[in-house]
Protein backbone atom coordinates (compact mmCIF):
# COMPACT_ATOMS: atom_id res chain seq x y z
CA LEU A 1 9.91 -1.55 12.25
CA THR A 2 10.29 -4.16 9.92
CA THR A 3 7.57 -5.16 7.85
CA ASP A 4 9.12 -8.41 6.47
CA VAL A 5 7.78 -12.08 8.03
CA ILE A 6 10.39 -14.74 7.42
CA PRO A 7 9.14 -18.00 9.10
CA TYR A 8 12.15 -19.86 11.25
CA ASN A 9 14.34 -16.96 10.95
CA LYS A 10 14.43 -15.61 14.53
CA THR A 11 16.71 -12.42 13.83
CA ASN A 12 13.83 -11.22 11.86
CA LEU A 13 10.83 -12.63 14.29
CA SER A 14 12.84 -11.17 17.25
CA ASN A 15 11.95 -7.92 15.57
CA TRP A 16 8.06 -8.62 16.21
CA GLN A 17 7.09 -8.14 19.78
CA ARG A 18 3.83 -8.26 22.06
CA GLY A 19 2.40 -5.03 21.84
CA ASP A 20 3.68 -3.95 18.79
CA ILE A 21 1.01 -2.09 16.72
CA VAL A 22 0.42 -3.06 12.69
CA VAL A 23 -0.80 -1.09 10.41
CA LEU A 24 -2.53 -2.68 7.03
CA ASP A 25 -3.66 -0.84 3.54
CA SER A 26 -7.05 -0.56 4.90
CA PRO A 27 -6.60 2.64 6.81
CA GLU A 28 -9.54 1.66 9.86
CA HIS A 29 -7.84 -1.74 10.15
CA ILE A 30 -5.32 -1.85 12.91
CA ALA A 31 -3.52 -5.16 14.86
CA ILE A 32 -1.33 -5.61 17.78
CA ILE A 33 1.01 -8.46 18.19
CA SER A 34 0.08 -11.08 20.85
CA ASP A 35 2.32 -12.74 22.78
CA LYS A 36 1.49 -16.38 21.36
CA ARG A 37 3.88 -17.56 18.90
CA ARG A 38 2.92 -20.19 15.92
CA ASN A 39 5.36 -23.20 15.58
CA ASP A 40 7.51 -21.28 12.81
CA GLY A 41 7.71 -18.66 15.08
CA ILE A 42 5.75 -16.55 13.62
CA PRO A 43 3.31 -14.22 16.19
CA TYR A 44 -0.77 -14.20 16.05
CA VAL A 45 -2.43 -10.64 16.16
CA ILE A 46 -5.06 -9.32 17.88
CA GLN A 47 -7.20 -7.40 15.12
CA ASN A 48 -10.77 -5.16 15.15
CA THR A 49 -12.52 -7.82 12.95
CA TYR A 50 -16.47 -7.99 13.14
CA PRO A 51 -18.34 -8.68 15.24
CA GLN A 52 -15.64 -8.84 17.86
CA SER A 53 -11.93 -8.32 18.33
CA LYS A 54 -9.89 -11.86 17.93
CA GLU A 55 -6.80 -13.32 18.07
CA SER A 56 -5.58 -15.06 14.67
CA ASP A 57 -3.10 -16.31 12.64
CA SER A 58 -3.21 -13.71 10.17
CA LEU A 59 0.10 -12.11 9.76
CA LEU A 60 2.17 -13.88 7.21
CA TYR A 61 -0.98 -14.16 5.26
CA TRP A 62 -1.27 -10.17 5.08
CA TYR A 63 2.75 -9.96 4.23
CA LYS A 64 2.36 -12.37 1.54
CA HIS A 65 -0.55 -9.89 0.18
CA ASN A 66 1.42 -6.94 0.23
CA ARG A 67 -1.12 -5.66 3.18
CA ILE A 68 1.48 -4.80 5.69
CA THR A 69 2.16 -0.93 5.50
CA GLY A 70 3.66 0.05 8.82
CA HIS A 71 5.13 -1.51 12.02
CA PHE A 72 5.74 0.13 14.86
CA ARG A 73 6.22 0.08 18.81
CA TYR A 74 5.47 2.87 21.94
CA PRO A 75 8.94 3.26 23.31
CA LYS A 76 9.77 1.51 26.86
CA ILE A 77 8.88 3.97 29.70
CA GLN A 78 11.92 4.06 32.17
């Protein structure tokens, strides 16, 4: 899926759905797209940070720093 994150762009942001998996440039760092979004439409992420997992506003930061290396979605089960 896309790795572009464009604030206020409904078409782009509709590609980022809750439950999507985001892979970062560090192989042990994986995040999941949250069901919560900022006012500009960018979703929050749930990530494995020390000392515990947390929900954060990091997706646009990662995009601006070229850290997003993959964006995946499991197909819906019928």
